[in-house]
Amino acid sequence: MIVQPDTLEKVEVGELGELAVKGPQVMRGYWNQPEETYKCLRDGWLLTGDLGKMDEDGYFYILDRRKDIIIAGGYNIYPREVEEVLFEFPGVEEAIVAGIYDPYRGETVKAYIVPKNGAKLEEGELKKFCKEKLAAYKVPKVYEFRDSLPKTMAGKVLRRKLIEEEQSKLSQDIK
């Protein structure tokens, strides 16, 4: 079932919410960690941390992870939506976005881009492209071009590692 993450109220068909599952296969909780257990288990329902929606035929679509949401100026920005636009741009091999500290908005969107071999990408062109396809508050404010992105052994991009790098830069700037 898809629910409002904070209230556990069931959402309407087609609305975005958090995927909750229930059944004999669901864990009973984290060993000796009641706070962590409470965060993800309520009345037998496991809150998966996956954001998605259910269509009118009962099919579920996973759209993002709750912990990856970027909250900029009170607006929720779903990284996957921004990344899909970036992947449409010619010359983009890989793209991932993350929320970075912004003194005014709380967080802002930063895009990490790996260009295709031989492609010359310009920040201004990418920003213009994103403005045509996204609401203004979702358009990345910062772009970083890289040769590669940090990945797991399975090839999944480590968004958390990029965020840690940003936090490290921020703490060095404060010193």
C-alpha atoms as a PDB file:
ATOM      1  CA  MET A   1       0.000   0.000   0.000  1.00  0.00           C
ATOM      2  CA  ILE A   2       1.135   3.581  -0.573  1.00  0.00           C
ATOM      3  CA  VAL A   3       0.854   5.876   2.463  1.00  0.00           C
ATOM      4  CA  GLN A   4       1.664   9.389   3.630  1.00  0.00           C
ATOM      5  CA  PRO A   5       5.092   8.881   5.244  1.00  0.00           C
ATOM      6  CA  ASP A   6       4.357  10.748   8.466  1.00  0.00           C
ATOM      7  CA  THR A   7       0.709   9.873   9.106  1.00  0.00           C
ATOM      8  CA  LEU A   8       0.466   6.404   7.493  1.00  0.00           C
ATOM      9  CA  GLU A   9      -2.802   7.465   5.866  1.00  0.00           C
ATOM     10  CA  LYS A  10      -3.432   5.635   2.614  1.00  0.00           C
ATOM     11  CA  VAL A  11      -3.030   7.901  -0.428  1.00  0.00           C
ATOM     12  CA  GLU A  12      -5.279   7.983  -3.474  1.00  0.00           C
ATOM     13  CA  VAL A  13      -4.470   5.938  -6.588  1.00  0.00           C
ATOM     14  CA  GLY A  14      -1.789   7.734  -8.612  1.00  0.00           C
ATOM     15  CA  GLU A  15      -0.573   9.881  -5.701  1.00  0.00           C
ATOM     16  CA  LEU A  16       3.006   9.774  -4.498  1.00  0.00           C
ATOM     17  CA  GLY A  17       3.712   8.275  -1.095  1.00  0.00           C
ATOM     18  CA  GLU A  18       5.856   5.741   0.724  1.00  0.00           C
ATOM     19  CA  LEU A  19       5.556   2.034   0.011  1.00  0.00           C
ATOM     20  CA  ALA A  20       4.430   0.089   3.093  1.00  0.00           C
ATOM     21  CA  VAL A  21       4.272  -3.719   3.186  1.00  0.00           C
ATOM     22  CA  LYS A  22       2.769  -6.178   5.643  1.00  0.00           C
ATOM     23  CA  GLY A  23       2.959  -9.940   5.946  1.00  0.00           C
ATOM     24  CA  PRO A  24       4.652 -12.881   7.654  1.00  0.00           C
ATOM     25  CA  GLN A  25       7.917 -12.164   5.816  1.00  0.00           C
ATOM     26  CA  VAL A  26       8.299  -8.695   7.386  1.00  0.00           C
ATOM     27  CA  MET A  27      10.949  -8.413  10.072  1.00  0.00           C
ATOM     28  CA  ARG A  28       9.974  -7.876  13.706  1.00  0.00           C
ATOM     29  CA  GLY A  29      12.469  -5.083  14.218  1.00  0.00           C
ATOM     30  CA  TYR A  30      16.103  -4.197  14.701  1.00  0.00           C
ATOM     31  CA  TRP A  31      17.888  -6.086  17.470  1.00  0.00           C
ATOM     32  CA  ASN A  32      18.123  -3.883  20.580  1.00  0.00           C
ATOM     33  CA  GLN A  33      17.323  -0.730  18.573  1.00  0.00           C
ATOM     34  CA  PRO A  34      13.774   0.325  19.475  1.00  0.00           C
ATOM     35  CA  GLU A  35      14.149   3.823  17.995  1.00  0.00           C
ATOM     36  CA  GLU A  36      15.234   2.464  14.602  1.00  0.00           C
ATOM     37  CA  THR A  37      12.474  -0.138  14.740  1.00  0.00           C
ATOM     38  CA  TYR A  38       9.861   2.546  15.397  1.00  0.00           C
ATOM     39  CA  LYS A  39      11.075   4.569  12.397  1.00  0.00           C
ATOM     40  CA  CYS A  40      10.272   1.756   9.970  1.00  0.00           C
ATOM     41  CA  LEU A  41       7.685  -0.516  11.650  1.00  0.00           C
ATOM     42  CA  ARG A  42       4.218   0.639  12.636  1.00  0.00           C
ATOM     43  CA  ASP A  43       1.286  -1.644  13.457  1.00  0.00           C
ATOM     44  CA  GLY A  44       2.920  -4.490  11.524  1.00  0.00           C
ATOM     45  CA  TRP A  45       3.564  -2.321   8.441  1.00  0.00           C
ATOM     46  CA  LEU A  46       7.146  -1.982   7.188  1.00  0.00           C
ATOM     47  CA  LEU A  47       7.867   1.472   5.786  1.00  0.00           C
ATOM     48  CA  THR A  48      10.338   0.638   3.019  1.00  0.00           C
ATOM     49  CA  GLY A  49      11.740   4.122   2.441  1.00  0.00           C
ATOM     50  CA  ASP A  50      10.751   3.796  -1.229  1.00  0.00           C
ATOM     51  CA  LEU A  51       8.610   6.564  -2.699  1.00  0.00           C
ATOM     52  CA  GLY A  52       6.177   5.467  -5.332  1.00  0.00           C
ATOM     53  CA  LYS A  53       2.645   5.318  -6.543  1.00  0.00           C
ATOM     54  CA  MET A  54       0.047   2.714  -7.451  1.00  0.00           C
ATOM     55  CA  ASP A  55      -1.928   2.874 -10.694  1.00  0.00           C
ATOM     56  CA  GLU A  56      -5.596   2.022 -11.161  1.00  0.00           C
ATOM     57  CA  ASP A  57      -4.692  -1.590 -12.078  1.00  0.00           C
ATOM     58  CA  GLY A  58      -2.846  -2.120  -8.782  1.00  0.00           C
ATOM     59  CA  TYR A  59       0.673  -1.911 -10.238  1.00  0.00           C
ATOM     60  CA  PHE A  60       3.287  -0.173  -8.101  1.00  0.00           C
ATOM     61  CA  TYR A  61       5.965   2.189  -9.431  1.00  0.00           C
ATOM     62  CA  ILE A  62       9.028   3.012  -7.348  1.00  0.00           C
ATOM     63  CA  LEU A  63      10.148   6.557  -8.136  1.00  0.00           C
ATOM     64  CA  ASP A  64      12.777   7.460  -5.556  1.00  0.00           C
ATOM     65  CA  ARG A  65      14.081   6.953  -2.026  1.00  0.00           C
ATOM     66  CA  ARG A  66      12.667   9.021   0.810  1.00  0.00           C
ATOM     67  CA  LYS A  67      16.115   9.745   2.251  1.00  0.00           C
ATOM     68  CA  ASP A  68      17.265  11.191  -1.103  1.00  0.00           C
ATOM     69  CA  ILE A  69      14.593  13.911  -1.293  1.00  0.00           C
ATOM     70  CA  ILE A  70      16.053  17.395  -1.547  1.00  0.00           C
ATOM     71  CA  ILE A  71      14.123  20.033   0.384  1.00  0.00           C
ATOM     72  CA  ALA A  72      14.893  23.462  -1.062  1.00  0.00           C
ATOM     73  CA  GLY A  73      13.004  26.451   0.252  1.00  0.00           C
ATOM     74  CA  GLY A  74      10.211  24.184   1.481  1.00  0.00           C
ATOM     75  CA  TYR A  75       9.789  22.394  -1.858  1.00  0.00           C
ATOM     76  CA  ASN A  76      10.346  18.647  -2.204  1.00  0.00           C
ATOM     77  CA  ILE A  77      12.595  17.793  -5.142  1.00  0.00           C
ATOM     78  CA  TYR A  78      12.873  14.181  -6.256  1.00  0.00           C
ATOM     79  CA  PRO A  79      16.398  13.496  -7.594  1.00  0.00           C
ATOM     80  CA  ARG A  80      15.288  10.908 -10.102  1.00  0.00           C
ATOM     81  CA  GLU A  81      13.049  13.421 -11.883  1.00  0.00           C
ATOM     82  CA  VAL A  82      15.955  15.854 -12.337  1.00  0.00           C
ATOM     83  CA  GLU A  83      18.353  13.065 -13.333  1.00  0.00           C
ATOM     84  CA  GLU A  84      16.005  11.817 -16.051  1.00  0.00           C
ATOM     85  CA  VAL A  85      16.018  15.296 -17.609  1.00  0.00           C
ATOM     86  CA  LEU A  86      19.821  15.459 -17.447  1.00  0.00           C
ATOM     87  CA  PHE A  87      20.068  12.074 -19.191  1.00  0.00           C
ATOM     88  CA  GLU A  88      18.024  13.480 -22.094  1.00  0.00           C
ATOM     89  CA  PHE A  89      20.725  16.073 -22.801  1.00  0.00           C
ATOM     90  CA  PRO A  90      23.052  15.036 -25.649  1.00  0.00           C
ATOM     91  CA  GLY A  91      26.545  14.279 -24.446  1.00  0.00           C
ATOM     92  CA  VAL A  92      25.631  13.228 -20.898  1.00  0.00           C
ATOM     93  CA  GLU A  93      26.968   9.763 -20.078  1.00  0.00           C
ATOM     94  CA  GLU A  94      26.087   9.734 -16.377  1.00  0.00           C
ATOM     95  CA  ALA A  95      24.274  12.142 -14.088  1.00  0.00           C
ATOM     96  CA  ILE A  96      23.265  12.188 -10.459  1.00  0.00           C
ATOM     97  CA  VAL A  97      21.931  14.980  -8.284  1.00  0.00           C
ATOM     98  CA  ALA A  98      22.109  15.581  -4.563  1.00  0.00           C
ATOM     99  CA  GLY A  99      21.072  18.217  -2.085  1.00  0.00           C
ATOM    100  CA  ILE A 100      23.882  20.445  -0.870  1.00  0.00           C
ATOM    101  CA  TYR A 101      23.835  23.099   1.840  1.00  0.00           C
ATOM    102  CA  ASP A 102      22.414  26.466   0.858  1.00  0.00           C
ATOM    103  CA  PRO A 103      22.294  29.250   3.470  1.00  0.00           C
ATOM    104  CA  TYR A 104      19.052  30.690   2.061  1.00  0.00           C
ATOM    105  CA  ARG A 105      17.082  27.651   0.828  1.00  0.00           C
ATOM    106  CA  GLY A 106      18.409  25.074   3.303  1.00  0.00           C
ATOM    107  CA  GLU A 107      19.429  22.808   0.449  1.00  0.00           C
ATOM    108  CA  THR A 108      19.902  23.322  -3.257  1.00  0.00           C
ATOM    109  CA  VAL A 109      20.277  20.922  -6.158  1.00  0.00           C
ATOM    110  CA  LYS A 110      23.767  20.024  -7.352  1.00  0.00           C
ATOM    111  CA  ALA A 111      24.286  17.969 -10.505  1.00  0.00           C
ATOM    112  CA  TYR A 112      27.300  15.721 -10.969  1.00  0.00           C
ATOM    113  CA  ILE A 113      27.816  15.037 -14.666  1.00  0.00           C
ATOM    114  CA  VAL A 114      30.098  12.631 -16.542  1.00  0.00           C
ATOM    115  CA  PRO A 115      30.251  13.648 -20.225  1.00  0.00           C
ATOM    116  CA  LYS A 116      30.323  11.078 -23.007  1.00  0.00           C
ATOM    117  CA  ASN A 117      33.748  10.539 -24.596  1.00  0.00           C
ATOM    118  CA  GLY A 118      34.630  13.583 -26.647  1.00  0.00           C
ATOM    119  CA  ALA A 119      31.590  15.620 -25.570  1.00  0.00           C
ATOM    120  CA  LYS A 120      32.111  19.225 -24.482  1.00  0.00           C
ATOM    121  CA  LEU A 121      29.358  20.174 -22.065  1.00  0.00           C
ATOM    122  CA  GLU A 122      28.705  23.689 -20.845  1.00  0.00           C
ATOM    123  CA  GLU A 123      26.916  24.562 -17.635  1.00  0.00           C
ATOM    124  CA  GLY A 124      24.855  27.314 -19.297  1.00  0.00           C
ATOM    125  CA  GLU A 125      23.473  24.964 -21.945  1.00  0.00           C
ATOM    126  CA  LEU A 126      22.580  22.320 -19.366  1.00  0.00           C
ATOM    127  CA  LYS A 127      20.894  24.898 -17.144  1.00  0.00           C
ATOM    128  CA  LYS A 128      18.865  26.274 -20.073  1.00  0.00           C
ATOM    129  CA  PHE A 129      17.803  22.738 -21.051  1.00  0.00           C
ATOM    130  CA  CYS A 130      16.718  21.965 -17.475  1.00  0.00           C
ATOM    131  CA  LYS A 131      14.752  25.241 -17.235  1.00  0.00           C
ATOM    132  CA  GLU A 132      12.744  24.183 -20.285  1.00  0.00           C
ATOM    133  CA  LYS A 133      11.834  20.817 -18.742  1.00  0.00           C
ATOM    134  CA  LEU A 134      11.633  21.413 -14.972  1.00  0.00           C
ATOM    135  CA  ALA A 135      10.001  23.805 -12.543  1.00  0.00           C
ATOM    136  CA  ALA A 136      12.436  26.605 -11.631  1.00  0.00           C
ATOM    137  CA  TYR A 137      12.994  25.322  -8.066  1.00  0.00           C
ATOM    138  CA  LYS A 138      14.080  21.900  -9.402  1.00  0.00           C
ATOM    139  CA  VAL A 139      16.749  23.178 -11.801  1.00  0.00           C
ATOM    140  CA  PRO A 140      20.258  22.406 -10.497  1.00  0.00           C
ATOM    141  CA  LYS A 141      22.006  25.539  -9.244  1.00  0.00           C
ATOM    142  CA  VAL A 142      25.465  23.946  -9.212  1.00  0.00           C
ATOM    143  CA  TYR A 143      27.054  21.666 -11.833  1.00  0.00           C
ATOM    144  CA  GLU A 144      30.206  19.627 -11.421  1.00  0.00           C
ATOM    145  CA  PHE A 145      31.748  17.827 -14.363  1.00  0.00           C
ATOM    146  CA  ARG A 146      33.726  14.694 -13.493  1.00  0.00           C
ATOM    147  CA  ASP A 147      35.589  11.905 -15.218  1.00  0.00           C
ATOM    148  CA  SER A 148      33.700   9.336 -13.128  1.00  0.00           C
ATOM    149  CA  LEU A 149      31.294   8.947 -10.230  1.00  0.00           C
ATOM    150  CA  PRO A 150      31.910   6.872  -7.078  1.00  0.00           C
ATOM    151  CA  LYS A 151      30.213   3.484  -7.368  1.00  0.00           C
ATOM    152  CA  THR A 152      29.604   0.278  -5.473  1.00  0.00           C
ATOM    153  CA  MET A 153      31.063  -3.022  -6.645  1.00  0.00           C
ATOM    154  CA  ALA A 154      27.728  -3.617  -8.394  1.00  0.00           C
ATOM    155  CA  GLY A 155      28.047  -0.339 -10.325  1.00  0.00           C
ATOM    156  CA  LYS A 156      25.462   1.705  -8.404  1.00  0.00           C
ATOM    157  CA  VAL A 157      26.399   5.366  -7.970  1.00  0.00           C
ATOM    158  CA  LEU A 158      27.115   6.288  -4.347  1.00  0.00           C
ATOM    159  CA  ARG A 159      25.096   9.461  -3.829  1.00  0.00           C
ATOM    160  CA  ARG A 160      25.954   9.346  -0.116  1.00  0.00           C
ATOM    161  CA  LYS A 161      29.687   9.544  -0.949  1.00  0.00           C
ATOM    162  CA  LEU A 162      29.112  12.694  -3.007  1.00  0.00           C
ATOM    163  CA  ILE A 163      27.152  14.263  -0.144  1.00  0.00           C
ATOM    164  CA  GLU A 164      29.955  13.370   2.283  1.00  0.00           C
ATOM    165  CA  GLU A 165      32.455  15.069  -0.050  1.00  0.00           C
ATOM    166  CA  GLU A 166      30.305  18.222  -0.024  1.00  0.00           C
ATOM    167  CA  GLN A 167      30.017  18.174   3.769  1.00  0.00           C
ATOM    168  CA  SER A 168      33.793  17.783   4.035  1.00  0.00           C
ATOM    169  CA  LYS A 169      34.335  20.808   1.731  1.00  0.00           C
ATOM    170  CA  LEU A 170      31.856  22.822   3.780  1.00  0.00           C
ATOM    171  CA  SER A 171      33.573  22.001   7.079  1.00  0.00           C
ATOM    172  CA  GLN A 172      36.966  22.956   5.573  1.00  0.00           C
ATOM    173  CA  ASP A 173      35.507  26.292   4.395  1.00  0.00           C
ATOM    174  CA  ILE A 174      34.275  27.011   7.928  1.00  0.00           C
ATOM    175  CA  LYS A 175      37.738  26.436   9.486  1.00  0.00           C
END
